[in-house]
Amino acid sequence: MSKEEKLAGRLKGKDWVDEAITVFKADGIDSVKIDPIAKKLGVSRGSFYWHFNKRQDLLDAVLDYWQTISTENIIIELEQKHTLARDRLNELMIIAFSVSVEEFSFERAIRNWATIDKKVSGLLHIVDTQRTRYLQRLIRQIDQDNKQGRSEIEIQQHAHQLYYCRTGLFHQAQLPTLAQRQLMVQFLMKQLMTV
């Protein structure tokens, strides 16, 4: 077995994905190229093909990773951790509003990529829909728990309001401090609980 094969065997596909994400967040999708990433990982281009057939496979893995960590894993964790929908929603809001600019840069890069790629735009639409439907489900459950009577349209509007507040927040030139964002969560939750 050659030295290259040994190195390639020790590298995992996730190592390639992690480095691709680092490059992607810093410089955009056009900078995610096999040769520069191989150089950063200290391997040749041939190592890439131990894990992926082509560049698009790596890009798909980046998208899969983003969708999993930013949406699916969070929903699973909240569902396992909390019995009450209100507690799930409150923690979800804290998580969503507490991320750093650096953490949000991954999502910002995905959203920028979606403006030039129909496949990414389609995935982004799926994720946005998945997130807003989860918010709607939580609000609907809170209404049932508290015997409130919001209409389905009101539930949808509240869910979209919460989602747009969070998404728009991280596109500001000057991000509010963490303390200010925590106050926003309290305000939004209080507003939501008032029918």
N, C-alpha and C. Protein backbone atom coordinates (compact mmCIF):
# COMPACT_ATOMS: atom_id res chain seq x y z
N MET A 1 0.85 -1.19 0.00
CA MET A 1 0.00 0.00 0.00
C MET A 1 0.89 1.24 0.00
N SER A 2 0.60 2.17 -0.89
CA SER A 2 1.41 3.39 -0.99
C SER A 2 1.10 4.34 0.17
N LYS A 3 1.98 5.31 0.36
CA LYS A 3 1.79 6.32 1.40
C LYS A 3 0.48 7.08 1.15
N GLU A 4 0.21 7.38 -0.11
CA GLU A 4 -1.02 8.10 -0.48
C GLU A 4 -2.26 7.30 -0.09
N GLU A 5 -2.22 6.00 -0.32
CA GLU A 5 -3.35 5.14 0.02
C GLU A 5 -3.55 5.09 1.54
N LYS A 6 -2.44 5.05 2.28
CA LYS A 6 -2.54 5.05 3.74
C LYS A 6 -3.15 6.36 4.24
N LEU A 7 -2.68 7.49 3.70
CA LEU A 7 -3.23 8.79 4.10
C LEU A 7 -4.71 8.89 3.74
N ALA A 8 -5.03 8.44 2.52
CA ALA A 8 -6.43 8.49 2.08
C ALA A 8 -7.30 7.63 2.97
N GLY A 9 -6.75 6.49 3.41
CA GLY A 9 -7.51 5.61 4.29
C GLY A 9 -7.76 6.21 5.65
N ARG A 10 -6.84 7.04 6.13
CA ARG A 10 -7.02 7.69 7.43
C ARG A 10 -7.96 8.88 7.34
N LEU A 11 -7.92 9.55 6.20
CA LEU A 11 -8.86 10.66 6.01
C LEU A 11 -10.25 10.08 5.83
N LYS A 12 -11.22 10.75 6.38
CA LYS A 12 -12.61 10.33 6.21
C LYS A 12 -13.30 11.30 5.26
N GLY A 13 -14.42 10.86 4.72
CA GLY A 13 -15.21 11.76 3.88
C GLY A 13 -15.58 13.02 4.63
N LYS A 14 -15.82 12.89 5.94
CA LYS A 14 -16.18 14.05 6.76
C LYS A 14 -15.04 15.08 6.80
N ASP A 15 -13.78 14.62 6.73
CA ASP A 15 -12.66 15.57 6.70
C ASP A 15 -12.75 16.46 5.46
N TRP A 16 -13.10 15.83 4.34
CA TRP A 16 -13.27 16.60 3.10
C TRP A 16 -14.45 17.56 3.22
N VAL A 17 -15.54 17.07 3.80
CA VAL A 17 -16.74 17.91 3.96
C VAL A 17 -16.43 19.08 4.89
N ASP A 18 -15.76 18.81 6.01
CA ASP A 18 -15.42 19.89 6.95
C ASP A 18 -14.56 20.97 6.29
N GLU A 19 -13.57 20.54 5.53
CA GLU A 19 -12.70 21.52 4.86
C GLU A 19 -13.46 22.26 3.77
N ALA A 20 -14.33 21.56 3.06
CA ALA A 20 -15.15 22.21 2.03
C ALA A 20 -16.04 23.28 2.67
N ILE A 21 -16.60 22.98 3.84
CA ILE A 21 -17.46 23.95 4.53
C ILE A 21 -16.65 25.17 4.95
N THR A 22 -15.45 24.95 5.46
CA THR A 22 -14.59 26.07 5.87
C THR A 22 -14.32 27.00 4.69
N VAL A 23 -13.97 26.42 3.55
CA VAL A 23 -13.69 27.20 2.34
C VAL A 23 -14.96 27.89 1.86
N PHE A 24 -16.06 27.14 1.85
CA PHE A 24 -17.35 27.65 1.39
C PHE A 24 -17.81 28.86 2.20
N LYS A 25 -17.73 28.77 3.53
CA LYS A 25 -18.16 29.88 4.39
C LYS A 25 -17.29 31.12 4.16
N ALA A 26 -16.01 30.90 3.94
CA ALA A 26 -15.09 32.03 3.79
C ALA A 26 -15.13 32.65 2.41
N ASP A 27 -15.23 31.81 1.37
CA ASP A 27 -15.00 32.32 0.01
C ASP A 27 -16.09 31.98 -1.01
N GLY A 28 -17.14 31.29 -0.59
CA GLY A 28 -18.22 30.99 -1.52
C GLY A 28 -18.04 29.67 -2.26
N ILE A 29 -19.08 29.28 -2.94
CA ILE A 29 -19.14 27.95 -3.55
C ILE A 29 -18.12 27.77 -4.67
N ASP A 30 -17.80 28.81 -5.42
CA ASP A 30 -16.85 28.69 -6.53
C ASP A 30 -15.44 28.35 -6.04
N SER A 31 -15.16 28.60 -4.77
CA SER A 31 -13.84 28.30 -4.21
C SER A 31 -13.71 26.88 -3.70
N VAL A 32 -14.82 26.15 -3.66
CA VAL A 32 -14.77 24.76 -3.19
C VAL A 32 -14.31 23.89 -4.36
N LYS A 33 -13.00 23.65 -4.39
CA LYS A 33 -12.38 22.88 -5.48
C LYS A 33 -11.51 21.78 -4.90
N ILE A 34 -11.42 20.71 -5.61
CA ILE A 34 -10.75 19.51 -5.11
C ILE A 34 -9.27 19.76 -4.83
N ASP A 35 -8.53 20.31 -5.79
CA ASP A 35 -7.08 20.44 -5.62
C ASP A 35 -6.70 21.32 -4.42
N PRO A 36 -7.28 22.53 -4.26
CA PRO A 36 -6.91 23.33 -3.09
C PRO A 36 -7.27 22.67 -1.76
N ILE A 37 -8.41 21.96 -1.73
CA ILE A 37 -8.80 21.27 -0.49
C ILE A 37 -7.82 20.12 -0.21
N ALA A 38 -7.45 19.39 -1.26
CA ALA A 38 -6.47 18.30 -1.08
C ALA A 38 -5.16 18.86 -0.51
N LYS A 39 -4.75 20.00 -1.03
CA LYS A 39 -3.50 20.62 -0.55
C LYS A 39 -3.62 20.98 0.92
N LYS A 40 -4.75 21.55 1.32
CA LYS A 40 -4.95 21.91 2.72
C LYS A 40 -4.98 20.68 3.62
N LEU A 41 -5.48 19.57 3.08
CA LEU A 41 -5.54 18.33 3.86
C LEU A 41 -4.23 17.56 3.81
N GLY A 42 -3.31 18.00 2.96
CA GLY A 42 -2.00 17.35 2.86
C GLY A 42 -2.00 16.05 2.09
N VAL A 43 -2.93 15.95 1.11
CA VAL A 43 -3.01 14.75 0.28
C VAL A 43 -3.09 15.17 -1.19
N SER A 44 -3.00 14.19 -2.07
CA SER A 44 -3.12 14.50 -3.48
C SER A 44 -4.59 14.45 -3.90
N ARG A 45 -4.85 14.88 -5.11
CA ARG A 45 -6.21 14.85 -5.67
C ARG A 45 -6.78 13.43 -5.66
N GLY A 46 -5.91 12.44 -5.85
CA GLY A 46 -6.36 11.06 -5.89
C GLY A 46 -7.05 10.62 -4.61
N SER A 47 -6.67 11.20 -3.49
CA SER A 47 -7.29 10.87 -2.20
C SER A 47 -8.79 11.18 -2.20
N PHE A 48 -9.15 12.22 -2.91
CA PHE A 48 -10.56 12.63 -2.98
C PHE A 48 -11.44 11.48 -3.45
N TYR A 49 -10.93 10.74 -4.42
CA TYR A 49 -11.73 9.70 -5.07
C TYR A 49 -11.90 8.43 -4.22
N TRP A 50 -11.27 8.40 -3.07
CA TRP A 50 -11.55 7.33 -2.13
C TRP A 50 -12.92 7.53 -1.48
N HIS A 51 -13.39 8.79 -1.49
CA HIS A 51 -14.62 9.13 -0.77
C HIS A 51 -15.75 9.64 -1.67
N PHE A 52 -15.38 10.24 -2.79
CA PHE A 52 -16.37 10.86 -3.67
C PHE A 52 -16.03 10.53 -5.12
N ASN A 53 -17.06 10.47 -5.96
CA ASN A 53 -16.84 10.21 -7.38
C ASN A 53 -16.54 11.49 -8.16
N LYS A 54 -17.15 12.60 -7.70
CA LYS A 54 -16.96 13.89 -8.39
C LYS A 54 -17.22 15.02 -7.42
N ARG A 55 -16.88 16.24 -7.83
CA ARG A 55 -17.04 17.42 -6.99
C ARG A 55 -18.47 17.57 -6.52
N GLN A 56 -19.44 17.30 -7.40
CA GLN A 56 -20.84 17.46 -7.03
C GLN A 56 -21.22 16.58 -5.84
N ASP A 57 -20.60 15.42 -5.72
CA ASP A 57 -20.86 14.54 -4.57
C ASP A 57 -20.43 15.22 -3.27
N LEU A 58 -19.29 15.91 -3.33
CA LEU A 58 -18.82 16.66 -2.15
C LEU A 58 -19.79 17.79 -1.83
N LEU A 59 -20.23 18.52 -2.85
CA LEU A 59 -21.18 19.62 -2.63
C LEU A 59 -22.49 19.10 -2.06
N ASP A 60 -22.95 17.95 -2.55
CA ASP A 60 -24.17 17.34 -2.01
C ASP A 60 -23.98 16.96 -0.54
N ALA A 61 -22.80 16.48 -0.20
CA ALA A 61 -22.51 16.11 1.19
C ALA A 61 -22.51 17.34 2.09
N VAL A 62 -22.03 18.47 1.57
CA VAL A 62 -22.08 19.73 2.31
C VAL A 62 -23.53 20.12 2.59
N LEU A 63 -24.37 20.02 1.57
CA LEU A 63 -25.79 20.35 1.73
C LEU A 63 -26.48 19.41 2.71
N ASP A 64 -26.20 18.12 2.59
CA ASP A 64 -26.80 17.13 3.50
C ASP A 64 -26.40 17.43 4.95
N TYR A 65 -25.13 17.74 5.13
CA TYR A 65 -24.63 18.04 6.48
C TYR A 65 -25.35 19.27 7.04
N TRP A 66 -25.48 20.33 6.23
CA TRP A 66 -26.15 21.54 6.69
C TRP A 66 -27.60 21.25 7.09
N GLN A 67 -28.31 20.54 6.24
CA GLN A 67 -29.72 20.24 6.53
C GLN A 67 -29.84 19.41 7.82
N THR A 68 -28.95 18.46 7.99
CA THR A 68 -29.01 17.59 9.16
C THR A 68 -28.73 18.35 10.45
N ILE A 69 -27.63 19.11 10.48
CA ILE A 69 -27.26 19.77 11.75
C ILE A 69 -28.12 20.99 12.05
N SER A 70 -28.59 21.67 11.01
CA SER A 70 -29.30 22.93 11.26
C SER A 70 -30.80 22.77 11.43
N THR A 71 -31.33 21.60 11.11
CA THR A 71 -32.77 21.42 11.20
C THR A 71 -33.13 20.08 11.82
N GLU A 72 -32.80 19.01 11.16
CA GLU A 72 -33.27 17.69 11.60
C GLU A 72 -32.78 17.32 12.99
N ASN A 73 -31.49 17.50 13.26
CA ASN A 73 -30.96 17.14 14.59
C ASN A 73 -31.56 18.00 15.69
N ILE A 74 -31.79 19.26 15.40
CA ILE A 74 -32.37 20.16 16.41
C ILE A 74 -33.79 19.72 16.75
N ILE A 75 -34.58 19.42 15.74
CA ILE A 75 -35.97 18.98 15.98
C ILE A 75 -35.98 17.68 16.79
N ILE A 76 -35.15 16.73 16.41
CA ILE A 76 -35.08 15.45 17.14
C ILE A 76 -34.71 15.69 18.60
N GLU A 77 -33.71 16.51 18.83
CA GLU A 77 -33.26 16.79 20.20
C GLU A 77 -34.35 17.46 21.02
N LEU A 78 -35.04 18.43 20.44
CA LEU A 78 -36.11 19.12 21.17
C LEU A 78 -37.25 18.17 21.50
N GLU A 79 -37.59 17.31 20.56
CA GLU A 79 -38.69 16.37 20.77
C GLU A 79 -38.35 15.37 21.88
N GLN A 80 -37.09 14.99 21.97
CA GLN A 80 -36.68 14.04 23.00
C GLN A 80 -36.53 14.70 24.37
N LYS A 81 -36.17 15.96 24.38
CA LYS A 81 -35.82 16.65 25.62
C LYS A 81 -37.02 17.21 26.37
N HIS A 82 -38.02 17.70 25.64
CA HIS A 82 -39.13 18.41 26.29
C HIS A 82 -40.47 17.76 26.00
N THR A 83 -41.30 17.70 27.03
CA THR A 83 -42.65 17.17 26.88
C THR A 83 -43.59 18.26 26.35
N LEU A 84 -43.45 19.47 26.89
CA LEU A 84 -44.37 20.56 26.54
C LEU A 84 -43.90 21.31 25.29
N ALA A 85 -44.84 21.61 24.43
CA ALA A 85 -44.54 22.35 23.20
C ALA A 85 -43.98 23.73 23.51
N ARG A 86 -44.49 24.36 24.57
CA ARG A 86 -43.99 25.69 24.94
C ARG A 86 -42.50 25.63 25.27
N ASP A 87 -42.08 24.60 25.98
CA ASP A 87 -40.66 24.46 26.32
C ASP A 87 -39.81 24.19 25.08
N ARG A 88 -40.36 23.39 24.16
CA ARG A 88 -39.65 23.13 22.90
C ARG A 88 -39.46 24.42 22.12
N LEU A 89 -40.54 25.18 22.01
CA LEU A 89 -40.47 26.43 21.24
C LEU A 89 -39.53 27.42 21.90
N ASN A 90 -39.60 27.55 23.20
CA ASN A 90 -38.73 28.48 23.90
C ASN A 90 -37.26 28.13 23.68
N GLU A 91 -36.92 26.85 23.81
CA GLU A 91 -35.52 26.45 23.60
C GLU A 91 -35.11 26.62 22.14
N LEU A 92 -36.02 26.30 21.23
CA LEU A 92 -35.73 26.49 19.81
C LEU A 92 -35.40 27.96 19.52
N MET A 93 -36.19 28.87 20.09
CA MET A 93 -35.94 30.30 19.88
C MET A 93 -34.60 30.71 20.49
N ILE A 94 -34.30 30.20 21.66
CA ILE A 94 -33.01 30.53 22.28
C ILE A 94 -31.86 30.05 21.40
N ILE A 95 -31.96 28.82 20.92
CA ILE A 95 -30.92 28.29 20.03
C ILE A 95 -30.80 29.15 18.78
N ALA A 96 -31.95 29.42 18.15
CA ALA A 96 -31.96 30.14 16.87
C ALA A 96 -31.42 31.56 16.99
N PHE A 97 -31.71 32.22 18.09
CA PHE A 97 -31.30 33.61 18.25
C PHE A 97 -29.93 33.76 18.91
N SER A 98 -29.39 32.67 19.44
CA SER A 98 -28.12 32.76 20.16
C SER A 98 -26.90 32.42 19.32
N VAL A 99 -27.10 31.90 18.12
CA VAL A 99 -25.93 31.53 17.31
C VAL A 99 -25.08 32.75 17.00
N SER A 100 -23.81 32.52 16.84
CA SER A 100 -22.89 33.60 16.52
C SER A 100 -22.95 33.90 15.02
N VAL A 101 -22.40 35.03 14.65
CA VAL A 101 -22.31 35.38 13.23
C VAL A 101 -21.53 34.30 12.49
N GLU A 102 -20.49 33.79 13.11
CA GLU A 102 -19.68 32.73 12.49
C GLU A 102 -20.52 31.49 12.23
N GLU A 103 -21.32 31.10 13.22
CA GLU A 103 -22.17 29.92 13.04
C GLU A 103 -23.21 30.17 11.96
N PHE A 104 -23.76 31.38 11.92
CA PHE A 104 -24.78 31.68 10.93
C PHE A 104 -24.18 31.83 9.53
N SER A 105 -22.87 32.04 9.45
CA SER A 105 -22.25 32.25 8.14
C SER A 105 -22.45 31.04 7.22
N PHE A 106 -22.59 29.86 7.78
CA PHE A 106 -22.84 28.66 6.97
C PHE A 106 -24.20 28.80 6.29
N GLU A 107 -25.21 29.19 7.05
CA GLU A 107 -26.54 29.35 6.46
C GLU A 107 -26.57 30.51 5.47
N ARG A 108 -25.89 31.59 5.80
CA ARG A 108 -25.83 32.73 4.87
C ARG A 108 -25.20 32.30 3.55
N ALA A 109 -24.14 31.49 3.63
CA ALA A 109 -23.48 31.00 2.41
C ALA A 109 -24.43 30.09 1.62
N ILE A 110 -25.20 29.26 2.31
CA ILE A 110 -26.18 28.40 1.62
C ILE A 110 -27.22 29.27 0.91
N ARG A 111 -27.70 30.30 1.60
CA ARG A 111 -28.72 31.18 1.01
C ARG A 111 -28.16 31.93 -0.20
N ASN A 112 -26.91 32.34 -0.14
CA ASN A 112 -26.28 32.99 -1.29
C ASN A 112 -26.15 32.01 -2.45
N TRP A 113 -25.74 30.80 -2.15
CA TRP A 113 -25.59 29.76 -3.17
C TRP A 113 -26.93 29.48 -3.84
N ALA A 114 -28.00 29.50 -3.06
CA ALA A 114 -29.35 29.22 -3.60
C ALA A 114 -29.78 30.24 -4.64
N THR A 115 -29.19 31.42 -4.62
CA THR A 115 -29.56 32.45 -5.62
C THR A 115 -29.03 32.13 -7.00
N ILE A 116 -28.05 31.21 -7.08
CA ILE A 116 -27.45 30.89 -8.38
C ILE A 116 -27.58 29.42 -8.77
N ASP A 117 -28.20 28.62 -7.90
CA ASP A 117 -28.30 27.18 -8.17
C ASP A 117 -29.71 26.70 -7.84
N LYS A 118 -30.42 26.20 -8.85
CA LYS A 118 -31.82 25.78 -8.66
C LYS A 118 -31.94 24.60 -7.69
N LYS A 119 -31.00 23.69 -7.74
CA LYS A 119 -31.05 22.54 -6.83
C LYS A 119 -30.94 23.01 -5.38
N VAL A 120 -30.02 23.91 -5.12
CA VAL A 120 -29.83 24.44 -3.76
C VAL A 120 -31.05 25.26 -3.35
N SER A 121 -31.57 26.02 -4.28
CA SER A 121 -32.78 26.79 -4.01
C SER A 121 -33.93 25.87 -3.62
N GLY A 122 -34.05 24.75 -4.31
CA GLY A 122 -35.09 23.78 -3.98
C GLY A 122 -34.91 23.19 -2.60
N LEU A 123 -33.66 22.85 -2.24
CA LEU A 123 -33.38 22.33 -0.91
C LEU A 123 -33.67 23.38 0.15
N LEU A 124 -33.27 24.61 -0.11
CA LEU A 124 -33.51 25.69 0.84
C LEU A 124 -35.01 25.87 1.07
N HIS A 125 -35.79 25.77 0.01
CA HIS A 125 -37.24 25.86 0.15
C HIS A 125 -37.77 24.71 1.03
N ILE A 126 -37.24 23.52 0.83
CA ILE A 126 -37.64 22.37 1.65
C ILE A 126 -37.31 22.62 3.12
N VAL A 127 -36.10 23.11 3.40
CA VAL A 127 -35.68 23.36 4.77
C VAL A 127 -36.52 24.48 5.39
N ASP A 128 -36.72 25.57 4.67
CA ASP A 128 -37.54 26.66 5.20
C ASP A 128 -38.95 26.17 5.51
N THR A 129 -39.49 25.35 4.64
CA THR A 129 -40.84 24.80 4.85
C THR A 129 -40.85 23.86 6.06
N GLN A 130 -39.83 23.02 6.16
CA GLN A 130 -39.73 22.10 7.29
C GLN A 130 -39.68 22.87 8.61
N ARG A 131 -38.90 23.93 8.64
CA ARG A 131 -38.77 24.72 9.86
C ARG A 131 -40.07 25.44 10.21
N THR A 132 -40.69 26.08 9.22
CA THR A 132 -41.92 26.82 9.53
C THR A 132 -43.06 25.88 9.89
N ARG A 133 -43.10 24.70 9.29
CA ARG A 133 -44.13 23.72 9.68
C ARG A 133 -43.92 23.23 11.10
N TYR A 134 -42.67 23.08 11.49
CA TYR A 134 -42.39 22.67 12.87
C TYR A 134 -42.84 23.78 13.83
N LEU A 135 -42.55 25.02 13.49
CA LEU A 135 -43.03 26.13 14.31
C LEU A 135 -44.56 26.13 14.40
N GLN A 136 -45.21 25.91 13.28
CA GLN A 136 -46.67 25.87 13.28
C GLN A 136 -47.18 24.75 14.18
N ARG A 137 -46.53 23.60 14.09
CA ARG A 137 -46.94 22.46 14.92
C ARG A 137 -46.82 22.80 16.40
N LEU A 138 -45.71 23.45 16.78
CA LEU A 138 -45.51 23.82 18.18
C LEU A 138 -46.55 24.83 18.63
N ILE A 139 -46.80 25.84 17.80
CA ILE A 139 -47.79 26.87 18.16
C ILE A 139 -49.19 26.25 18.29
N ARG A 140 -49.52 25.36 17.37
CA ARG A 140 -50.81 24.67 17.42
C ARG A 140 -50.94 23.87 18.72
N GLN A 141 -49.87 23.19 19.11
CA GLN A 141 -49.89 22.40 20.34
C GLN A 141 -49.99 23.30 21.57
N ILE A 142 -49.28 24.42 21.55
CA ILE A 142 -49.38 25.38 22.65
C ILE A 142 -50.82 25.87 22.79
N ASP A 143 -51.44 26.17 21.67
CA ASP A 143 -52.85 26.60 21.69
C ASP A 143 -53.74 25.52 22.33
N GLN A 144 -53.51 24.28 21.95
CA GLN A 144 -54.31 23.18 22.51
C GLN A 144 -54.06 23.04 24.01
N ASP A 145 -52.79 23.12 24.42
CA ASP A 145 -52.43 23.00 25.84
C ASP A 145 -53.06 24.11 26.67
N ASN A 146 -53.10 25.33 26.10
CA ASN A 146 -53.61 26.50 26.83
C ASN A 146 -55.06 26.83 26.50
N LYS A 147 -55.68 25.94 25.72
CA LYS A 147 -57.07 26.12 25.31
C LYS A 147 -57.29 27.50 24.66
N GLN A 148 -56.34 27.86 23.80
CA GLN A 148 -56.46 29.09 23.02
C GLN A 148 -57.04 28.74 21.66
N GLY A 149 -57.59 29.73 21.00
CA GLY A 149 -58.29 29.44 19.76
C GLY A 149 -57.82 30.18 18.54
N ARG A 150 -56.53 30.15 18.30
CA ARG A 150 -56.03 30.80 17.08
C ARG A 150 -56.51 30.05 15.85
N SER A 151 -56.78 30.79 14.80
CA SER A 151 -57.13 30.15 13.53
C SER A 151 -55.86 29.60 12.89
N GLU A 152 -56.03 28.74 11.90
CA GLU A 152 -54.88 28.17 11.20
C GLU A 152 -54.08 29.27 10.52
N ILE A 153 -54.74 30.27 9.99
CA ILE A 153 -54.02 31.39 9.35
C ILE A 153 -53.20 32.15 10.38
N GLU A 154 -53.74 32.37 11.57
CA GLU A 154 -52.98 33.06 12.63
C GLU A 154 -51.77 32.24 13.05
N ILE A 155 -51.95 30.93 13.14
CA ILE A 155 -50.83 30.05 13.50
C ILE A 155 -49.73 30.16 12.44
N GLN A 156 -50.12 30.11 11.18
CA GLN A 156 -49.14 30.24 10.10
C GLN A 156 -48.43 31.58 10.15
N GLN A 157 -49.17 32.64 10.40
CA GLN A 157 -48.58 33.98 10.43
C GLN A 157 -47.60 34.12 11.60
N HIS A 158 -47.96 33.58 12.75
CA HIS A 158 -47.03 33.62 13.89
C HIS A 158 -45.76 32.85 13.57
N ALA A 159 -45.90 31.69 12.97
CA ALA A 159 -44.73 30.87 12.63
C ALA A 159 -43.82 31.62 11.65
N HIS A 160 -44.41 32.22 10.64
CA HIS A 160 -43.61 32.97 9.66
C HIS A 160 -42.96 34.20 10.30
N GLN A 161 -43.68 34.87 11.17
CA GLN A 161 -43.10 36.03 11.85
C GLN A 161 -41.87 35.65 12.65
N LEU A 162 -41.97 34.56 13.43
CA LEU A 162 -40.82 34.10 14.21
C LEU A 162 -39.65 33.74 13.30
N TYR A 163 -39.95 33.04 12.22
CA TYR A 163 -38.90 32.58 11.32
C TYR A 163 -38.22 33.75 10.60
N TYR A 164 -39.01 34.69 10.13
CA TYR A 164 -38.44 35.84 9.43
C TYR A 164 -37.63 36.73 10.37
N CYS A 165 -38.08 36.85 11.62
CA CYS A 165 -37.30 37.63 12.59
C CYS A 165 -35.92 37.02 12.76
N ARG A 166 -35.88 35.71 12.91
CA ARG A 166 -34.59 35.05 13.11
C ARG A 166 -33.71 35.13 11.87
N THR A 167 -34.27 34.83 10.72
CA THR A 167 -33.48 34.82 9.49
C THR A 167 -32.99 36.22 9.14
N GLY A 168 -33.87 37.20 9.25
CA GLY A 168 -33.49 38.57 8.92
C GLY A 168 -32.49 39.17 9.89
N LEU A 169 -32.56 38.74 11.13
CA LEU A 169 -31.68 39.27 12.16
C LEU A 169 -30.21 39.15 11.78
N PHE A 170 -29.85 38.01 11.20
CA PHE A 170 -28.44 37.75 10.91
C PHE A 170 -27.96 38.37 9.59
N HIS A 171 -28.83 39.13 8.97
CA HIS A 171 -28.43 39.86 7.76
C HIS A 171 -28.24 41.35 8.05
N GLN A 172 -28.30 41.71 9.32
CA GLN A 172 -28.09 43.10 9.71
C GLN A 172 -26.60 43.44 9.63
N ALA A 173 -26.32 44.69 9.34
CA ALA A 173 -24.92 45.13 9.30
C ALA A 173 -24.28 45.02 10.68
N GLN A 174 -25.06 45.33 11.71
CA GLN A 174 -24.57 45.25 13.09
C GLN A 174 -25.49 44.32 13.86
N LEU A 175 -25.00 43.14 14.18
CA LEU A 175 -25.80 42.16 14.91
C LEU A 175 -26.01 42.63 16.34
N PRO A 176 -27.26 42.61 16.84
CA PRO A 176 -27.49 42.96 18.25
C PRO A 176 -26.70 42.02 19.15
N THR A 177 -26.40 42.49 20.35
CA THR A 177 -25.66 41.67 21.30
C THR A 177 -26.49 40.45 21.67
N LEU A 178 -25.83 39.47 22.27
CA LEU A 178 -26.53 38.27 22.70
C LEU A 178 -27.62 38.64 23.71
N ALA A 179 -27.33 39.56 24.63
CA ALA A 179 -28.34 39.98 25.62
C ALA A 179 -29.55 40.61 24.92
N GLN A 180 -29.31 41.42 23.90
CA GLN A 180 -30.42 42.03 23.16
C GLN A 180 -31.24 40.97 22.43
N ARG A 181 -30.55 39.96 21.88
CA ARG A 181 -31.26 38.89 21.17
C ARG A 181 -32.07 38.04 22.14
N GLN A 182 -31.55 37.83 23.36
CA GLN A 182 -32.30 37.09 24.37
C GLN A 182 -33.56 37.85 24.78
N LEU A 183 -33.46 39.18 24.84
CA LEU A 183 -34.66 40.00 25.12
C LEU A 183 -35.67 39.87 23.98
N MET A 184 -35.19 39.79 22.75
CA MET A 184 -36.09 39.60 21.61
C MET A 184 -36.87 38.30 21.75
N VAL A 185 -36.17 37.24 22.17
CA VAL A 185 -36.83 35.94 22.35
C VAL A 185 -37.93 36.07 23.40
N GLN A 186 -37.62 36.73 24.52
CA GLN A 186 -38.62 36.91 25.57
C GLN A 186 -39.83 37.69 25.04
N PHE A 187 -39.57 38.74 24.28
CA PHE A 187 -40.64 39.56 23.72
C PHE A 187 -41.49 38.74 22.75
N LEU A 188 -40.84 38.01 21.86
CA LEU A 188 -41.56 37.22 20.87
C LEU A 188 -42.39 36.11 21.53
N MET A 189 -41.83 35.48 22.55
CA MET A 189 -42.57 34.43 23.26
C MET A 189 -43.76 35.03 24.00
N LYS A 190 -43.56 36.18 24.63
CA LYS A 190 -44.67 36.85 25.34
C LYS A 190 -45.77 37.24 24.36
N GLN A 191 -45.35 37.78 23.22
CA GLN A 191 -46.32 38.18 22.19
C GLN A 191 -47.10 36.95 21.68
N LEU A 192 -46.42 35.86 21.52
CA LEU A 192 -47.04 34.64 21.03
C LEU A 192 -48.07 34.09 22.02
N MET A 193 -47.77 34.24 23.30
CA MET A 193 -48.66 33.70 24.33
C MET A 193 -49.91 34.56 24.53
N THR A 194 -49.92 35.76 23.94
CA THR A 194 -51.07 36.65 24.07
C THR A 194 -51.97 36.49 22.84
N VAL A 195 -53.17 36.02 23.08
CA VAL A 195 -54.11 35.80 21.96
C VAL A 195 -54.94 37.05 21.77
